[in-house]
Protein backbone atom coordinates (compact mmCIF):
# COMPACT_ATOMS: atom_id res chain seq x y z
CA MET A 1 -3.70 -5.05 16.46
CA SER A 2 -4.18 -7.93 14.07
CA GLN A 3 -3.08 -11.40 13.14
CA SER A 4 0.62 -11.73 12.28
CA GLY A 5 2.02 -10.56 8.96
CA LEU A 6 -0.30 -7.59 8.37
CA GLY A 7 2.41 -5.02 8.99
CA LYS A 8 1.45 -3.38 12.32
CA SER A 9 5.07 -2.71 13.29
CA THR A 10 5.85 -1.44 9.79
CA LEU A 11 2.95 1.02 10.06
CA VAL A 12 4.34 2.27 13.38
CA ASN A 13 7.65 2.87 11.57
CA THR A 14 5.78 4.63 8.75
CA LEU A 15 3.88 6.84 11.19
CA PHE A 16 7.09 7.98 12.86
CA LYS A 17 8.97 8.48 9.59
CA SER A 18 6.16 10.22 7.71
CA GLN A 19 6.09 13.99 7.25
CA VAL A 20 4.19 14.61 10.45
CA SER A 21 7.27 13.57 12.43
CA ARG A 22 10.22 13.43 10.07
CA LYS A 23 11.53 16.93 10.94
CA SER A 24 11.58 16.40 14.68
CA SER A 25 12.38 12.72 14.66
CA GLY A 26 15.46 11.43 16.35
CA TRP A 27 14.53 8.13 14.73
CA ASN A 28 17.42 6.43 12.95
CA ARG A 29 16.53 5.90 9.28
CA GLU A 30 17.94 2.39 9.39
CA GLU A 31 16.39 1.47 12.72
CA LYS A 32 13.72 -1.21 12.49
CA ILE A 33 11.08 -2.22 14.98
CA PRO A 34 11.60 -5.94 15.52
CA LYS A 35 8.80 -8.50 15.25
CA THR A 36 6.51 -7.92 18.20
CA VAL A 37 6.41 -10.73 20.74
CA GLU A 38 4.78 -8.91 23.65
CA ILE A 39 2.60 -5.86 24.28
CA LYS A 40 4.97 -2.91 24.41
CA ALA A 41 4.75 0.87 24.39
CA ILE A 42 6.89 2.86 21.96
CA GLY A 43 7.16 6.57 22.77
CA HIS A 44 8.04 9.23 20.23
CA VAL A 45 7.95 13.03 20.22
CA ILE A 46 6.29 14.49 17.13
CA GLU A 47 6.00 18.13 16.17
CA GLU A 48 2.82 19.58 14.71
CA GLY A 49 2.41 23.28 13.95
CA GLY A 50 5.34 24.13 16.21
CA VAL A 51 3.83 22.17 19.12
CA LYS A 52 5.71 19.14 20.42
CA MET A 53 3.64 16.21 21.55
CA LYS A 54 4.55 12.84 22.97
CA LEU A 55 2.80 10.08 21.07
CA THR A 56 2.91 6.57 22.49
CA VAL A 57 2.04 3.62 20.29
CA ILE A 58 1.26 0.33 21.99
CA ASP A 59 2.35 -2.43 19.62
CA THR A 60 0.79 -5.85 20.17
CA PRO A 61 1.88 -9.31 19.04
CA GLY A 62 -0.09 -10.84 16.17
CA PHE A 63 -3.00 -12.77 17.60
CA GLY A 64 -5.30 -15.36 16.11
CA ASP A 65 -2.33 -17.44 14.95
CA GLN A 66 -2.91 -20.23 17.45
CA ILE A 67 -4.96 -23.39 16.88
CA ASN A 68 -7.25 -22.31 19.71
CA ASN A 69 -7.95 -18.56 19.48
CA GLU A 70 -10.63 -18.52 22.16
CA ASN A 71 -10.55 -15.29 24.21
CA CYS A 72 -7.32 -14.15 22.51
CA TRP A 73 -8.40 -10.50 22.99
CA GLU A 74 -8.20 -10.84 26.78
CA PRO A 75 -4.51 -9.77 27.24
CA ILE A 76 -5.20 -6.60 25.24
CA GLU A 77 -8.44 -5.84 27.10
CA LYS A 78 -6.55 -6.46 30.36
CA TYR A 79 -3.79 -4.03 29.32
CA ILE A 80 -6.35 -1.31 28.47
CA ASN A 81 -8.16 -1.78 31.79
CA GLU A 82 -4.87 -1.73 33.71
CA GLN A 83 -4.21 1.77 32.34
CA TYR A 84 -7.70 2.90 33.49
CA GLU A 85 -6.94 1.43 36.91
CA LYS A 86 -3.65 3.35 37.17
CA PHE A 87 -5.42 6.60 36.31
CA LEU A 88 -8.25 5.90 38.77
CA LYS A 89 -5.83 5.20 41.63
CA GLU A 90 -4.10 8.52 40.99
CA GLU A 91 -7.42 10.36 40.66
CA VAL A 92 -8.77 9.21 44.04
CA ASN A 93 -5.47 9.83 45.83
CA ILE A 94 -5.97 12.49 48.54
CA ALA A 95 -2.61 14.10 47.70
CA ARG A 96 -3.06 13.67 43.97
CA LYS A 97 -0.67 15.17 41.46
CA LYS A 98 -1.61 18.39 39.70
CA ARG A 99 -1.21 16.58 36.38
CA ILE A 100 -2.11 12.90 36.54
CA PRO A 101 0.17 10.73 34.37
CA ASP A 102 -2.04 9.43 31.57
CA THR A 103 -1.17 6.06 30.07
CA ARG A 104 -4.76 5.35 28.97
CA VAL A 105 -5.18 3.97 25.45
CA HIS A 106 -7.07 6.56 23.40
CA CYS A 107 -7.40 4.60 20.18
CA CYS A 108 -6.99 1.07 18.86
CA LEU A 109 -6.08 0.59 15.18
CA TYR A 110 -7.55 -2.79 14.21
CA PHE A 111 -5.87 -4.29 11.14
CA ILE A 112 -8.10 -6.24 8.75
CA SER A 113 -6.64 -8.74 6.29
CA PRO A 114 -7.19 -7.59 2.65
CA THR A 115 -9.10 -10.74 1.65
CA GLY A 116 -11.71 -8.88 -0.41
CA HIS A 117 -14.29 -11.31 1.03
CA SER A 118 -15.60 -10.75 4.53
CA LEU A 119 -14.41 -10.32 8.09
CA ARG A 120 -13.34 -13.41 10.00
CA PRO A 121 -15.55 -14.40 12.96
CA LEU A 122 -12.48 -13.69 15.11
CA ASP A 123 -12.31 -10.09 13.80
CA LEU A 124 -15.96 -9.54 14.69
CA GLU A 125 -15.58 -11.14 18.12
CA PHE A 126 -12.44 -9.14 18.88
CA MET A 127 -13.87 -5.76 17.83
CA LYS A 128 -17.14 -6.47 19.65
CA HIS A 129 -15.25 -6.92 22.93
CA LEU A 130 -12.69 -4.15 22.46
CA SER A 131 -15.15 -1.50 21.21
CA LYS A 132 -16.72 -1.53 24.69
CA VAL A 133 -13.47 -0.38 26.32
CA VAL A 134 -11.58 1.63 23.67
CA ASN A 135 -12.06 3.68 20.48
CA ILE A 136 -11.69 1.23 17.58
CA ILE A 137 -10.50 2.45 14.17
CA PRO A 138 -10.61 -0.34 11.55
CA VAL A 139 -7.79 -0.36 8.99
CA ILE A 140 -7.38 -2.54 5.89
CA ALA A 141 -3.73 -3.58 5.81
CA LYS A 142 -1.60 -4.09 2.69
CA ALA A 143 -4.29 -2.44 0.58
CA ASP A 144 -2.04 -2.49 -2.51
CA THR A 145 -2.95 -6.18 -2.95
CA MET A 146 -6.45 -5.13 -4.11
CA THR A 147 -7.64 -3.27 -7.21
CA LEU A 148 -9.48 0.05 -6.71
CA GLU A 149 -12.85 -1.66 -7.37
CA GLU A 150 -12.06 -4.50 -4.94
CA LYS A 151 -10.97 -1.99 -2.30
CA THR A 152 -14.18 0.07 -2.63
CA GLU A 153 -16.38 -3.06 -2.47
CA PHE A 154 -14.43 -4.50 0.47
CA LYS A 155 -14.70 -1.26 2.44
CA GLN A 156 -18.48 -1.23 1.90
CA ARG A 157 -18.75 -4.89 2.94
CA VAL A 158 -16.71 -4.34 6.12
CA ARG A 159 -18.87 -1.32 7.09
CA LYS A 160 -22.02 -3.38 6.52
CA GLU A 161 -20.74 -6.33 8.57
CA LEU A 162 -19.76 -4.07 11.46
CA GLU A 163 -23.21 -2.45 11.40
CA VAL A 164 -25.08 -5.78 11.21
CA ASN A 165 -23.03 -7.09 14.15
CA GLY A 166 -23.65 -3.95 16.23
CA ILE A 167 -19.96 -3.01 16.40
CA GLU A 168 -19.44 0.71 17.00
CA PHE A 169 -16.18 2.02 15.60
CA TYR A 170 -14.83 5.53 16.14
CA PRO A 171 -16.24 8.17 15.60
CA GLN A 172 -19.32 6.67 17.28
CA LYS A 173 -22.65 8.11 16.08
CA GLU A 174 -24.04 8.65 19.56
CA PHE A 175 -21.18 11.01 20.51
CA ASP A 176 -21.63 13.51 17.65
CA GLU A 177 -22.00 16.82 19.47
CA ASP A 178 -23.85 18.88 16.87
CA LEU A 179 -25.02 18.90 13.24
CA GLU A 180 -21.62 20.04 11.94
CA ASP A 181 -19.95 17.23 13.87
CA LYS A 182 -22.49 14.72 12.55
CA THR A 183 -22.05 15.85 8.90
CA GLU A 184 -18.26 15.61 9.10
CA ASN A 185 -18.28 12.28 10.94
CA ASP A 186 -20.95 10.75 8.67
CA LYS A 187 -18.64 11.39 5.72
CA ILE A 188 -15.80 9.61 7.55
CA ARG A 189 -18.05 6.72 8.63
CA GLN A 190 -19.61 6.25 5.19
CA GLU A 191 -16.60 6.89 2.94
CA SER A 192 -13.22 6.72 4.70
CA MET A 193 -13.75 3.83 7.10
CA PRO A 194 -12.04 1.44 7.17
CA PHE A 195 -8.89 3.28 6.02
CA ALA A 196 -7.10 1.24 3.32
CA VAL A 197 -3.38 1.67 3.97
CA VAL A 198 0.04 0.62 2.79
CA GLY A 199 2.92 0.88 5.24
CA SER A 200 6.59 1.17 4.40
CA ASP A 201 9.64 2.52 6.19
CA LYS A 202 11.80 2.47 3.04
CA GLU A 203 12.62 5.65 1.14
CA TYR A 204 12.88 5.95 -2.65
CA GLN A 205 13.69 8.74 -5.07
CA VAL A 206 10.63 9.72 -7.16
CA ASN A 207 10.74 12.78 -9.45
CA GLY A 208 13.72 14.14 -7.55
CA LYS A 209 12.01 13.78 -4.15
CA ARG A 210 12.65 11.24 -1.39
CA ILE A 211 9.39 9.51 -0.49
CA LEU A 212 8.28 6.63 1.72
CA GLY A 213 7.10 3.82 -0.51
CA ARG A 214 6.91 0.20 -1.56
CA LYS A 215 8.69 -0.88 -4.73
CA THR A 216 6.79 -3.16 -7.12
CA PRO A 217 7.65 -4.42 -10.62
CA TRP A 218 5.43 -1.66 -12.09
CA GLY A 219 6.62 1.26 -9.98
CA VAL A 220 6.71 2.70 -6.46
CA ILE A 221 3.58 2.86 -4.29
CA GLU A 222 3.89 6.20 -2.50
CA VAL A 223 2.67 5.81 1.07
CA GLU A 224 1.81 9.51 1.54
CA ASN A 225 0.17 9.96 -1.88
CA LEU A 226 -3.63 9.88 -1.51
CA ASN A 227 -3.96 8.56 -5.07
CA HIS A 228 -2.04 5.47 -3.96
CA CYS A 229 -3.38 4.75 -0.47
CA GLU A 230 -5.13 6.31 2.54
CA PHE A 231 -2.24 6.35 4.99
CA ALA A 232 -2.11 10.18 5.00
CA LEU A 233 -5.86 10.31 5.74
CA LEU A 234 -5.43 7.91 8.68
CA ARG A 235 -2.41 9.81 10.02
CA ASP A 236 -4.18 13.19 9.82
CA PHE A 237 -7.36 11.73 11.33
CA VAL A 238 -5.56 10.28 14.36
CA ILE A 239 -2.84 12.88 14.93
CA ARG A 240 -4.34 16.13 13.64
CA THR A 241 -8.12 16.46 13.29
CA HIS A 242 -9.50 13.99 15.86
CA LEU A 243 -6.76 13.61 18.48
CA GLN A 244 -8.45 15.79 21.09
CA ASP A 245 -11.83 14.13 20.51
CA LEU A 246 -10.30 10.65 20.83
CA LYS A 247 -8.93 11.71 24.22
CA GLU A 248 -12.28 13.22 25.30
CA VAL A 249 -14.32 10.14 24.30
CA THR A 250 -11.79 7.97 26.16
CA HIS A 251 -12.07 10.10 29.30
CA ASN A 252 -15.81 10.85 29.28
CA ILE A 253 -17.12 7.51 28.02
CA HIS A 254 -14.75 4.53 28.24
CA TYR A 255 -12.89 5.60 31.38
CA GLU A 256 -16.10 6.79 33.10
CA THR A 257 -17.72 3.40 32.37
CA TYR A 258 -14.72 1.63 33.91
CA ARG A 259 -14.60 4.03 36.87
CA ALA A 260 -18.31 3.69 37.68
CA LYS A 261 -18.16 -0.12 37.53
CA ARG A 262 -14.96 -0.26 39.57
CA LEU A 263 -16.28 1.99 42.32
CA ASN A 264 -19.60 0.16 42.30
CA ASP A 265 -17.87 -3.24 42.62
CA ASN A 266 -15.83 -1.77 45.48
CA GLY A 267 -18.92 -0.66 47.37
CA GLY A 268 -18.31 2.96 46.42
CA LEU A 269 -14.85 2.99 48.00
CA PRO A 270 -11.87 4.13 45.96
CA PRO A 271 -9.13 1.56 45.24
CA VAL A 272 -5.85 1.64 47.16
CA THR A 273 -3.30 3.97 45.56
CA THR A 274 -0.02 2.81 44.04
CA GLU A 275 2.74 4.57 42.12
CA THR A 276 2.16 5.10 38.38
CA GLU A 277 4.46 5.33 35.40
CA GLU A 278 5.80 8.25 33.39
CA ASN A 279 3.30 10.53 31.65
CA HIS A 280 2.24 9.70 28.08
CA GLU A 281 0.21 12.32 26.27
CA SER A 282 -1.58 10.28 23.63
CA ASN A 283 -1.69 6.54 23.40
CA LEU A 284 -2.74 4.59 20.34
């Protein structure tokens, strides 16, 4: 999620067209995701190591574009909580399903404008609210607009500002399970975050290979080339190395917090059950 024009929908396209999903994708090469005007879920089956998995990306409209941006995070927070509520109603159902449909949001990619200066007050306010209910992963959008030095400095500044403002992004320090976990996650927290990415759903021919990229007057920026941007790092982080942990932190921390509060507010009684939607395996 982000203000308009930072390329959220393009990154969704890139994610589905990148190597992690290109083989199994029924996605039309020419198909475009239109400009997002409402919160919507886009489902896609990806194949990883011979295992098929349904990935659902929730695309949000650009926010922060209005004259008055007060509480503009509320519709997104409401959407996240509604998914917890659906899961809770199924969970407390006496005749509950063997496998509860899971539409909970496991991760929120927060797009930061590549200003090279500092975070907007709105960014800080938004992440402060959302980090209490969902795993936040900050991402610098359109990173090709900055030099390597500017990018490194900006990443350091963003990390510092998040720390000073007490905003916990994923992977949260307090949930490191052991020393190995802590060492690996410290490296991510201190070096990778926020991921500086370039999104593109256009393919070009480079050295005889078709690649996803962005054409500039001085050449093609290769989206999946780590020397050009960190898209591949972000994709692997979310879809390969940390997917299960994102789901566990969602279930054990964010959902449990919601569940405890909800049952407490209800005097310990479970909410009334209603029908839920189709099962989604992982929701970003």
